[in-house]
């Protein structure tokens, strides 16, 4: 027994005192890193221009052009205005199989404009801001695609790389129309990433979601002189939202319901003849979301009957939860560990701590460590993304990279601030390298592609994807 303990102690000492050497970069991965570093300043410049433009859903004309033009400049064949969306595009390079794609987003959120500083102050009063880091998302993904393109061009890899410029993730979910157009039909595996407060191979799902508009139509009248002649669309709206709020007690904990009143009447002395609200229902699985969606739609009829008004329901769009791929996550994890953690300067740490102070969080700065590969949770919670629709049509590997301080409120000015300075830039460059290195593994090893596809087919089973969008083209607003 004593002998066994001595052997065990010796092994522990060897591991602690003589740690295993960090795995060496392959030639191709060294070239990937060199490529991203070579394009780094251009990628940062593009990201910053998208950040300062802060264009909203389906209005990302400048942002889309910046990315598409740079792809074209670097030898990609660019098809613009795909799937009926002026700001959607596909940049391709190479020929034959495998075909590996990477996603890029670039739309901003309304009303959260912010300067690149750790105290709240708008960059442009009332304007949008990149509170989800999509300025980094698009540029970082393009950097990964360019690095792979250069290896194909040099004859070191064989196949095709595609960069998908995908608009309107925050509102109408542009990827749904791109999926309907069949743009991923020839793709073997898709890669995606998202700015975050931590760095990890993302093997968690998201929430399925459906958006719809409810309108009520009544009869106007004088609110004091003859209100009995009026039929209030505003009453119907209030009755409807009350129904939704009472229903909250009777849904599963995984369900989320939101609404935004867009028109509740214009003046106080008129019985309103029109009202409108935007309603959103979510759940961790599409099959759990649909019955709630159907029930909430029925409530509109009840509210209309009680207020003696007419009503109309219009589907806006809906998205699937992400179909997780752990085999792909394992490949990504290996490359994160190969890259190692993100490190920050004293100035960056101070910037992050100031944001945490202002937003009432513990002042710990950024977390650039590499998280271990987590178990996939059955009901992960969190937000929603149209990457889910892509993941039900092609195997998807997802990544999160630190671009903001720990516990930063997302979709807020604090994330906007980091996305316009070196904390965000550092995460973006890291994401480019991690994605391109993972893509390199796939191009080099057909068995890895087969493993990822096998898991995708097993998880999807016999489910048939059906896009949740109304008939007709995407709802593109008139160009300003």
Protein backbone atom coordinates (compact mmCIF):
# COMPACT_ATOMS: atom_id res chain seq x y z
CA UNK A 1 0.00 0.00 0.00
CA UNK A 2 2.84 2.36 0.93
CA UNK A 3 4.53 1.59 -2.41
CA UNK A 4 1.35 2.51 -4.31
CA UNK A 5 1.07 5.79 -2.43
CA UNK A 6 4.68 6.65 -3.31
CA UNK A 7 4.02 5.99 -7.01
CA UNK A 8 0.88 8.13 -6.90
CA UNK A 9 2.74 10.96 -5.15
CA UNK A 10 5.50 10.78 -7.77
CA UNK A 11 2.94 11.09 -10.57
CA UNK A 12 1.35 14.12 -8.89
CA UNK A 13 4.75 15.78 -8.45
CA UNK A 14 5.59 15.15 -12.11
CA UNK A 15 2.31 16.67 -13.23
CA UNK A 16 2.69 19.77 -11.03
CA UNK A 17 6.43 20.37 -11.37
CA UNK A 18 6.76 19.19 -14.95
CA UNK A 19 3.44 20.11 -16.61
CA UNK A 20 2.71 18.81 -20.07
CA UNK A 21 3.86 21.12 -22.82
CA UNK A 22 1.22 23.10 -24.63
CA UNK A 23 0.26 21.35 -27.82
CA UNK A 24 2.15 22.72 -30.80
CA UNK A 25 0.36 24.56 -33.57
CA UNK A 26 0.19 22.76 -36.87
CA UNK A 27 1.55 24.60 -39.89
CA UNK A 28 -1.97 25.39 -41.13
CA UNK A 29 -3.08 26.72 -37.75
CA UNK A 30 0.02 28.87 -37.50
CA UNK A 31 -0.88 30.29 -40.91
CA UNK A 32 -4.45 30.89 -39.70
CA UNK A 33 -3.20 32.94 -36.79
CA UNK A 34 -0.82 34.86 -39.03
CA UNK A 35 -3.64 35.63 -41.48
CA UNK A 36 -5.93 37.00 -38.77
CA UNK A 37 -3.10 39.13 -37.40
CA UNK A 38 -2.36 40.38 -40.92
CA UNK A 39 -5.99 41.50 -41.39
CA UNK A 40 -6.42 42.60 -37.78
CA UNK A 41 -6.27 46.36 -38.30
CA UNK A 42 -8.68 46.22 -41.26
CA UNK A 43 -11.10 44.04 -39.28
CA UNK A 44 -11.01 46.45 -36.34
CA UNK A 45 -11.60 49.38 -38.66
CA UNK A 46 -14.60 47.65 -40.26
CA UNK A 47 -15.97 46.71 -36.85
CA UNK A 48 -15.61 50.28 -35.60
CA UNK A 49 -17.34 51.71 -38.68
CA UNK A 50 -20.24 49.29 -38.19
CA UNK A 51 -20.25 50.23 -34.48
CA UNK A 52 -20.51 53.96 -35.19
CA UNK A 53 -23.14 53.45 -37.93
CA UNK A 54 -25.33 51.32 -35.61
CA UNK A 55 -27.90 50.48 -38.29
CA UNK A 56 -31.11 48.74 -37.26
CA UNK A 57 -32.85 45.65 -38.64
CA UNK A 58 -32.99 45.53 -42.45
CA UNK A 59 -31.44 49.02 -42.61
CA UNK A 60 -27.78 47.85 -42.43
CA UNK A 61 -26.85 49.17 -45.87
CA UNK A 62 -23.48 50.65 -44.91
CA UNK A 63 -22.58 47.80 -42.56
CA UNK A 64 -23.43 45.11 -45.09
CA UNK A 65 -21.49 46.92 -47.82
CA UNK A 66 -18.37 47.25 -45.63
CA UNK A 67 -18.26 43.50 -45.07
CA UNK A 68 -19.22 42.49 -48.61
CA UNK A 69 -16.71 44.90 -50.16
CA UNK A 70 -13.88 43.60 -47.97
CA UNK A 71 -14.77 40.01 -48.83
CA UNK A 72 -14.73 40.92 -52.53
CA UNK A 73 -11.41 42.75 -52.14
CA UNK A 74 -9.97 39.56 -50.67
CA UNK A 75 -10.98 37.38 -53.61
CA UNK A 76 -14.43 36.10 -52.62
CA UNK A 77 -17.26 35.83 -55.11
CA UNK A 78 -20.00 37.94 -53.50
CA UNK A 79 -23.72 37.60 -54.24
CA UNK A 80 -25.59 40.57 -52.78
CA UNK A 81 -29.27 41.06 -51.96
CA UNK A 82 -30.02 37.36 -51.51
CA UNK A 83 -33.37 35.94 -50.28
CA UNK A 84 -35.17 39.20 -51.03
CA UNK A 85 -33.16 41.21 -48.49
CA UNK A 86 -31.00 44.07 -49.81
CA UNK A 87 -28.51 43.76 -46.93
CA UNK A 88 -28.12 39.96 -47.04
CA UNK A 89 -25.22 38.45 -49.00
CA UNK A 90 -23.14 35.33 -49.51
CA UNK A 91 -19.37 35.45 -50.10
CA UNK A 92 -17.86 32.21 -51.46
CA UNK A 93 -14.41 30.94 -52.34
CA UNK A 94 -13.15 27.57 -53.55
CA UNK A 95 -14.81 24.61 -55.20
CA UNK A 96 -16.10 21.19 -54.31
CA UNK A 97 -16.53 19.51 -50.96
CA UNK A 98 -16.47 20.00 -48.09
CA UNK A 99 -18.42 23.25 -47.90
CA UNK A 100 -17.96 24.98 -44.54
CA UNK A 101 -19.81 28.23 -43.80
CA UNK A 102 -19.53 30.92 -41.14
CA UNK A 103 -22.23 33.37 -40.04
CA UNK A 104 -21.88 37.14 -39.74
CA UNK A 105 -24.37 39.53 -38.13
CA UNK A 106 -24.26 43.33 -38.16
CA UNK A 107 -27.55 44.88 -36.99
CA UNK A 108 -27.82 47.14 -33.93
CA UNK A 109 -30.48 47.72 -31.27
CA UNK A 110 -32.55 50.94 -31.02
CA UNK A 111 -32.08 53.64 -28.42
CA UNK A 112 -28.88 52.50 -26.68
CA UNK A 113 -26.26 54.64 -28.40
CA UNK A 114 -23.12 54.98 -26.28
CA UNK A 115 -19.61 56.35 -26.50
CA UNK A 116 -16.64 54.01 -26.04
CA UNK A 117 -16.26 55.01 -22.40
CA UNK A 118 -17.21 53.31 -19.10
CA UNK A 119 -19.82 55.85 -18.04
CA UNK A 120 -23.19 56.27 -19.74
CA UNK A 121 -23.22 58.94 -22.46
CA UNK A 122 -24.81 58.58 -25.93
CA UNK A 123 -22.59 58.59 -29.02
CA UNK A 124 -25.58 60.01 -30.94
CA UNK A 125 -28.65 61.03 -28.93
CA UNK A 126 -31.59 58.66 -29.46
CA UNK A 127 -29.69 56.48 -31.94
CA UNK A 128 -29.07 52.75 -31.95
CA UNK A 129 -26.11 50.91 -30.50
CA UNK A 130 -24.45 47.52 -30.76
CA UNK A 131 -25.62 46.20 -27.39
CA UNK A 132 -25.22 42.62 -28.59
CA UNK A 133 -21.81 43.12 -30.21
CA UNK A 134 -22.88 42.43 -33.78
CA UNK A 135 -20.29 44.87 -35.10
CA UNK A 136 -17.71 42.41 -33.73
CA UNK A 137 -19.69 39.36 -34.83
CA UNK A 138 -19.70 40.21 -38.55
CA UNK A 139 -16.09 41.40 -38.78
CA UNK A 140 -14.73 38.55 -36.65
CA UNK A 141 -16.48 35.91 -38.74
CA UNK A 142 -15.23 37.46 -41.97
CA UNK A 143 -11.69 37.33 -40.58
CA UNK A 144 -12.10 33.56 -40.06
CA UNK A 145 -13.46 33.07 -43.59
CA UNK A 146 -10.56 35.03 -45.12
CA UNK A 147 -7.99 32.96 -43.22
CA UNK A 148 -9.51 29.74 -44.61
CA UNK A 149 -9.76 31.24 -48.10
CA UNK A 150 -6.02 31.94 -48.06
CA UNK A 151 -5.22 28.32 -47.18
CA UNK A 152 -7.47 27.08 -50.00
CA UNK A 153 -5.80 29.55 -52.35
CA UNK A 154 -2.37 28.20 -51.35
CA UNK A 155 -3.51 24.64 -52.00
CA UNK A 156 -3.17 23.67 -48.34
CA UNK A 157 -6.91 22.95 -47.97
CA UNK A 158 -9.46 21.68 -50.47
CA UNK A 159 -13.12 22.61 -50.59
CA UNK A 160 -15.32 25.71 -50.33
CA UNK A 161 -15.67 28.36 -47.65
CA UNK A 162 -18.76 30.58 -47.42
CA UNK A 163 -19.44 33.70 -45.38
CA UNK A 164 -23.12 34.49 -44.85
CA UNK A 165 -23.95 38.13 -44.21
CA UNK A 166 -27.18 37.83 -42.23
CA UNK A 167 -29.29 40.94 -41.44
CA UNK A 168 -31.96 41.69 -38.86
CA UNK A 169 -31.16 39.13 -36.15
CA UNK A 170 -32.57 41.39 -33.46
CA UNK A 171 -36.04 41.93 -34.90
CA UNK A 172 -37.36 40.05 -37.93
CA UNK A 173 -34.77 37.22 -38.03
CA UNK A 174 -33.35 37.44 -41.52
CA UNK A 175 -31.79 33.97 -41.47
CA UNK A 176 -35.26 32.40 -41.74
CA UNK A 177 -35.72 33.77 -45.26
CA UNK A 178 -32.18 32.71 -46.17
CA UNK A 179 -32.92 29.18 -44.97
CA UNK A 180 -36.19 29.19 -46.97
CA UNK A 181 -34.15 30.19 -50.01
CA UNK A 182 -32.07 27.03 -49.57
CA UNK A 183 -28.79 28.89 -49.08
CA UNK A 184 -27.41 26.21 -46.73
CA UNK A 185 -28.52 23.25 -48.85
CA UNK A 186 -24.99 22.50 -50.09
CA UNK A 187 -23.23 23.32 -46.80
CA UNK A 188 -21.74 20.47 -44.76
CA UNK A 189 -21.17 22.32 -41.47
CA UNK A 190 -21.84 25.86 -40.27
CA UNK A 191 -19.77 27.80 -37.72
CA UNK A 192 -21.05 30.67 -35.60
CA UNK A 193 -19.98 32.73 -32.62
CA UNK A 194 -21.41 35.39 -30.36
CA UNK A 195 -19.89 38.11 -28.17
CA UNK A 196 -20.25 37.28 -24.49
CA UNK A 197 -18.90 37.85 -20.98
CA UNK A 198 -17.16 34.46 -21.07
CA UNK A 199 -15.22 32.27 -23.49
CA UNK A 200 -16.47 28.77 -24.22
CA UNK A 201 -17.46 26.27 -26.85
CA UNK A 202 -21.22 26.82 -26.66
CA UNK A 203 -23.12 23.55 -26.36
CA UNK A 204 -26.35 25.01 -24.94
CA UNK A 205 -29.58 25.53 -26.82
CA UNK A 206 -31.71 28.68 -26.92
CA UNK A 207 -35.41 29.54 -26.70
CA UNK A 208 -37.82 28.99 -29.56
CA UNK A 209 -39.87 32.11 -30.23
CA UNK A 210 -42.84 33.41 -32.16
CA UNK A 211 -43.74 37.07 -32.80
CA UNK A 212 -47.15 38.31 -33.84
CA UNK A 213 -49.07 41.57 -34.00
CA UNK A 214 -52.57 42.05 -32.54
CA UNK A 215 -54.77 44.96 -33.69
CA UNK A 216 -58.16 45.97 -32.32
CA UNK A 217 -60.68 48.07 -34.27
CA UNK A 218 -63.52 49.92 -32.48
CA UNK A 219 -65.57 53.09 -32.81
CA UNK A 220 -64.34 56.55 -31.81
CA UNK A 221 -66.49 58.84 -29.68
CA UNK A 222 -66.17 61.81 -27.33
CA UNK A 223 -64.74 60.42 -24.06
CA UNK A 224 -67.00 62.70 -21.93
CA UNK A 225 -69.82 63.87 -24.22
CA UNK A 226 -71.07 60.51 -25.55
CA UNK A 227 -68.74 57.65 -24.57
CA UNK A 228 -71.71 55.23 -24.89
CA UNK A 229 -71.41 55.69 -28.64
CA UNK A 230 -67.80 54.49 -28.57
CA UNK A 231 -66.31 51.00 -28.66
CA UNK A 232 -62.85 51.26 -27.20
CA UNK A 233 -59.98 49.47 -28.92
CA UNK A 234 -57.89 50.51 -25.92
CA UNK A 235 -60.23 48.62 -23.57
CA UNK A 236 -59.71 45.52 -25.68
CA UNK A 237 -55.95 45.97 -25.51
CA UNK A 238 -56.02 46.26 -21.71
CA UNK A 239 -58.30 43.24 -21.36
CA UNK A 240 -55.99 41.28 -23.63
CA UNK A 241 -52.82 42.12 -21.72
CA UNK A 242 -54.61 41.32 -18.45
CA UNK A 243 -55.40 37.89 -19.88
CA UNK A 244 -51.78 37.31 -20.80
CA UNK A 245 -50.64 38.36 -17.33
CA UNK A 246 -53.13 36.07 -15.56
CA UNK A 247 -52.03 33.23 -17.83
CA UNK A 248 -48.43 33.55 -16.62
CA UNK A 249 -49.29 31.56 -13.46
CA UNK A 250 -50.44 28.60 -15.50
CA UNK A 251 -47.57 28.02 -17.92
CA UNK A 252 -44.42 25.99 -17.37
CA UNK A 253 -41.37 27.76 -15.91
CA UNK A 254 -39.60 27.49 -19.27
CA UNK A 255 -42.17 29.74 -20.98
CA UNK A 256 -41.66 33.47 -21.48
CA UNK A 257 -44.32 35.92 -22.70
CA UNK A 258 -43.67 39.57 -23.61
CA UNK A 259 -45.61 42.36 -25.25
CA UNK A 260 -44.99 45.90 -26.40
CA UNK A 261 -47.89 48.34 -26.74
CA UNK A 262 -47.33 50.18 -30.00
CA UNK A 263 -50.58 52.17 -30.11
CA UNK A 264 -52.96 52.55 -27.19
CA UNK A 265 -54.80 55.62 -28.42
CA UNK A 266 -53.63 59.14 -29.20
CA UNK A 267 -55.44 61.55 -26.86
CA UNK A 268 -57.30 61.27 -23.56
CA UNK A 269 -60.62 62.84 -24.67
CA UNK A 270 -61.32 60.41 -27.52
CA UNK A 271 -62.50 56.82 -27.13
CA UNK A 272 -59.79 55.11 -29.24
CA UNK A 273 -60.96 53.27 -32.31
CA UNK A 274 -57.60 51.56 -32.86
CA UNK A 275 -54.92 49.86 -30.77
CA UNK A 276 -51.96 47.63 -31.55
CA UNK A 277 -49.40 45.56 -29.68
CA UNK A 278 -46.49 43.29 -30.53
CA UNK A 279 -46.61 39.95 -28.68
CA UNK A 280 -43.81 37.40 -28.24
CA UNK A 281 -44.03 33.86 -26.85
CA UNK A 282 -40.99 31.70 -26.07
CA UNK A 283 -40.16 28.26 -24.71
CA UNK A 284 -37.10 26.05 -24.65
CA UNK A 285 -38.64 23.80 -27.32
CA UNK A 286 -40.80 24.65 -30.30
CA UNK A 287 -43.30 21.94 -29.37
CA UNK A 288 -43.77 23.59 -25.96
CA UNK A 289 -44.09 27.06 -27.45
CA UNK A 290 -46.82 26.30 -30.00
CA UNK A 291 -49.69 25.45 -27.57
CA UNK A 292 -48.98 28.63 -25.58
CA UNK A 293 -48.92 30.64 -28.80
CA UNK A 294 -52.29 29.20 -29.84
CA UNK A 295 -53.82 29.96 -26.43
CA UNK A 296 -52.54 33.54 -26.37
CA UNK A 297 -53.97 34.11 -29.86
CA UNK A 298 -57.39 32.88 -28.67
CA UNK A 299 -57.30 35.43 -25.86
CA UNK A 300 -57.40 38.20 -28.45
CA UNK A 301 -60.81 36.99 -29.58
CA UNK A 302 -62.05 36.98 -25.99
CA UNK A 303 -60.81 40.53 -25.41
CA UNK A 304 -62.49 41.67 -28.63
CA UNK A 305 -65.82 40.11 -27.57
CA UNK A 306 -65.68 41.79 -24.15
CA UNK A 307 -64.92 45.21 -25.63
CA UNK A 308 -67.32 44.71 -28.57
CA UNK A 309 -64.62 45.45 -31.14
CA UNK A 310 -63.05 43.66 -34.08
CA UNK A 311 -59.54 42.23 -34.06
CA UNK A 312 -56.80 41.02 -36.38
CA UNK A 313 -53.75 38.83 -35.71
CA UNK A 314 -50.73 38.98 -38.05
CA UNK A 315 -47.77 36.62 -37.81
CA UNK A 316 -44.44 38.47 -37.91
CA UNK A 317 -41.97 35.57 -37.67
CA UNK A 318 -40.76 32.81 -35.40
CA UNK A 319 -37.56 30.90 -34.77
CA UNK A 320 -36.49 27.46 -33.60
CA UNK A 321 -34.33 26.66 -30.62
CA UNK A 322 -30.69 25.86 -31.43
CA UNK A 323 -30.02 22.20 -32.21
CA UNK A 324 -26.85 21.54 -30.20
CA UNK A 325 -23.90 19.63 -31.63
CA UNK A 326 -21.51 18.38 -28.95
CA UNK A 327 -19.17 16.66 -31.41
CA UNK A 328 -18.56 20.06 -32.99
CA UNK A 329 -18.26 21.64 -29.55
CA UNK A 330 -15.46 19.23 -28.67
CA UNK A 331 -13.49 20.28 -31.75
CA UNK A 332 -13.97 23.94 -30.87
CA UNK A 333 -12.96 23.26 -27.25
CA UNK A 334 -9.63 21.78 -28.33
CA UNK A 335 -8.85 24.90 -30.32
CA UNK A 336 -9.77 27.21 -27.45
CA UNK A 337 -7.37 25.32 -25.22
CA UNK A 338 -4.72 25.54 -27.93
CA UNK A 339 -5.18 29.32 -28.12
CA UNK A 340 -5.22 29.77 -24.36
CA UNK A 341 -6.96 32.50 -22.33
CA UNK A 342 -7.46 36.14 -23.25
CA UNK A 343 -5.30 38.54 -21.26
CA UNK A 344 -6.06 42.18 -20.53
CA UNK A 345 -4.00 45.30 -19.91
CA UNK A 346 -4.33 47.30 -16.70
CA UNK A 347 -6.23 49.96 -18.65
CA UNK A 348 -8.71 47.41 -20.02
CA UNK A 349 -9.25 45.92 -16.58
CA UNK A 350 -9.86 49.38 -15.13
CA UNK A 351 -12.37 50.11 -17.94
CA UNK A 352 -14.22 46.88 -17.17
CA UNK A 353 -14.28 47.48 -13.43
CA UNK A 354 -15.64 50.99 -13.94
CA UNK A 355 -18.51 49.59 -16.01
CA UNK A 356 -19.18 47.07 -13.25
CA UNK A 357 -19.16 49.86 -10.67
CA UNK A 358 -21.59 52.00 -12.65
CA UNK A 359 -23.96 49.07 -13.31
CA UNK A 360 -23.87 47.85 -9.70
CA UNK A 361 -21.86 44.67 -10.26
CA UNK A 362 -18.91 43.20 -8.40
CA UNK A 363 -15.74 44.86 -9.70
CA UNK A 364 -13.76 41.92 -11.03
CA UNK A 365 -13.02 43.00 -14.61
CA UNK A 366 -13.11 40.63 -17.56
CA UNK A 367 -13.10 36.85 -17.48
CA UNK A 368 -10.82 35.65 -20.28
CA UNK A 369 -10.38 32.10 -19.01
CA UNK A 370 -11.35 29.13 -21.16
CA UNK A 371 -14.37 27.42 -19.65
CA UNK A 372 -14.53 23.62 -19.69
CA UNK A 373 -17.03 21.99 -22.03
CA UNK A 374 -20.28 21.94 -20.08
CA UNK A 375 -22.96 19.28 -20.03
CA UNK A 376 -25.82 20.28 -22.34
CA UNK A 377 -28.80 21.37 -20.24
CA UNK A 378 -32.31 20.24 -21.03
CA UNK A 379 -33.79 23.70 -20.36
CA UNK A 380 -30.98 26.28 -20.57
CA UNK A 381 -33.06 29.47 -20.52
CA UNK A 382 -31.50 32.62 -21.93
CA UNK A 383 -32.36 34.32 -25.19
CA UNK A 384 -33.32 33.39 -28.74
CA UNK A 385 -31.52 33.51 -32.08
CA UNK A 386 -32.27 32.72 -35.70
CA UNK A 387 -29.08 30.64 -35.68
CA UNK A 388 -31.57 28.06 -34.41
CA UNK A 389 -33.21 27.86 -37.83
CA UNK A 390 -29.83 27.37 -39.48
CA UNK A 391 -29.00 24.61 -36.97
CA UNK A 392 -32.11 22.61 -37.96
CA UNK A 393 -30.96 22.62 -41.58
CA UNK A 394 -27.19 22.04 -41.24
CA UNK A 395 -24.95 20.98 -38.32
CA UNK A 396 -23.89 24.07 -36.39
CA UNK A 397 -20.86 24.63 -34.14
CA UNK A 398 -21.17 27.61 -31.83
CA UNK A 399 -18.71 29.68 -29.82
CA UNK A 400 -18.86 32.45 -27.21
CA UNK A 401 -15.95 34.82 -26.65
CA UNK A 402 -15.44 37.47 -23.97
CA UNK A 403 -16.03 40.99 -25.29
CA UNK A 404 -17.38 42.66 -22.12
CA UNK A 405 -16.85 42.55 -18.34
CA UNK A 406 -18.29 39.75 -16.23
CA UNK A 407 -22.01 40.18 -15.36
CA UNK A 408 -22.43 43.14 -17.73
CA UNK A 409 -26.12 43.77 -18.56
CA UNK A 410 -26.53 42.63 -22.16
CA UNK A 411 -28.45 44.70 -24.75
CA UNK A 412 -27.29 47.75 -22.82
CA UNK A 413 -25.02 50.77 -23.20
CA UNK A 414 -22.29 48.90 -21.28
CA UNK A 415 -21.86 46.32 -24.04
CA UNK A 416 -21.94 49.07 -26.67
CA UNK A 417 -19.06 50.82 -24.87
CA UNK A 418 -16.84 47.71 -24.93
CA UNK A 419 -17.63 46.92 -28.56
CA UNK A 420 -16.07 50.19 -29.68
CA UNK A 421 -12.72 49.72 -27.94
CA UNK A 422 -9.92 47.22 -27.33
CA UNK A 423 -11.84 44.84 -25.02
CA UNK A 424 -14.27 44.08 -27.84
CA UNK A 425 -11.56 44.12 -30.52
CA UNK A 426 -9.49 41.57 -28.57
CA UNK A 427 -12.41 39.16 -28.32
CA UNK A 428 -13.24 39.60 -32.00
CA UNK A 429 -9.70 38.71 -33.12
CA UNK A 430 -9.67 35.71 -30.79
CA UNK A 431 -12.99 34.49 -32.22
CA UNK A 432 -11.61 34.76 -35.77
CA UNK A 433 -8.70 32.50 -34.87
CA UNK A 434 -10.77 29.96 -32.91
CA UNK A 435 -13.36 29.57 -35.67
CA UNK A 436 -10.81 29.34 -38.48
CA UNK A 437 -8.74 26.78 -36.56
CA UNK A 438 -11.87 24.70 -36.01
CA UNK A 439 -12.75 24.98 -39.70
CA UNK A 440 -9.21 23.85 -40.54
CA UNK A 441 -9.73 20.65 -38.53
CA UNK A 442 -12.92 19.97 -40.49
CA UNK A 443 -11.33 20.61 -43.89
CA UNK A 444 -8.40 18.36 -43.01
CA UNK A 445 -10.32 15.47 -41.48
CA UNK A 446 -13.43 14.04 -43.21
CA UNK A 447 -13.99 11.74 -40.22
CA UNK A 448 -14.65 14.78 -38.02
CA UNK A 449 -17.24 16.05 -40.50
CA UNK A 450 -18.90 12.63 -40.50
CA UNK A 451 -18.97 12.58 -36.69
CA UNK A 452 -20.59 16.03 -36.50
CA UNK A 453 -23.14 15.07 -39.17
CA UNK A 454 -23.97 11.78 -37.45
CA UNK A 455 -24.83 13.60 -34.22
CA UNK A 456 -26.88 16.18 -36.14
CA UNK A 457 -28.94 13.46 -37.83
CA UNK A 458 -29.44 11.63 -34.54
CA UNK A 459 -30.58 14.75 -32.67
CA UNK A 460 -32.85 15.95 -35.46
CA UNK A 461 -34.39 12.53 -35.97
CA UNK A 462 -37.47 12.56 -38.19
CA UNK A 463 -38.40 16.17 -37.37
CA UNK A 464 -39.36 18.21 -40.43
CA UNK A 465 -38.30 21.86 -40.37
CA UNK A 466 -41.03 24.35 -41.24
CA UNK A 467 -40.18 28.05 -41.25
CA UNK A 468 -42.42 30.21 -39.05
CA UNK A 469 -42.92 33.19 -41.35
CA UNK A 470 -45.92 34.65 -43.17
CA UNK A 471 -46.26 34.22 -46.91
CA UNK A 472 -44.57 36.82 -49.04
CA UNK A 473 -41.27 38.69 -48.94
CA UNK A 474 -39.41 39.86 -45.82
CA UNK A 475 -40.80 43.07 -44.26
CA UNK A 476 -38.17 45.44 -45.64
CA UNK A 477 -38.86 49.06 -44.55
CA UNK A 478 -38.61 51.90 -47.05
CA UNK A 479 -35.01 53.07 -47.24
CA UNK A 480 -34.43 56.34 -45.40
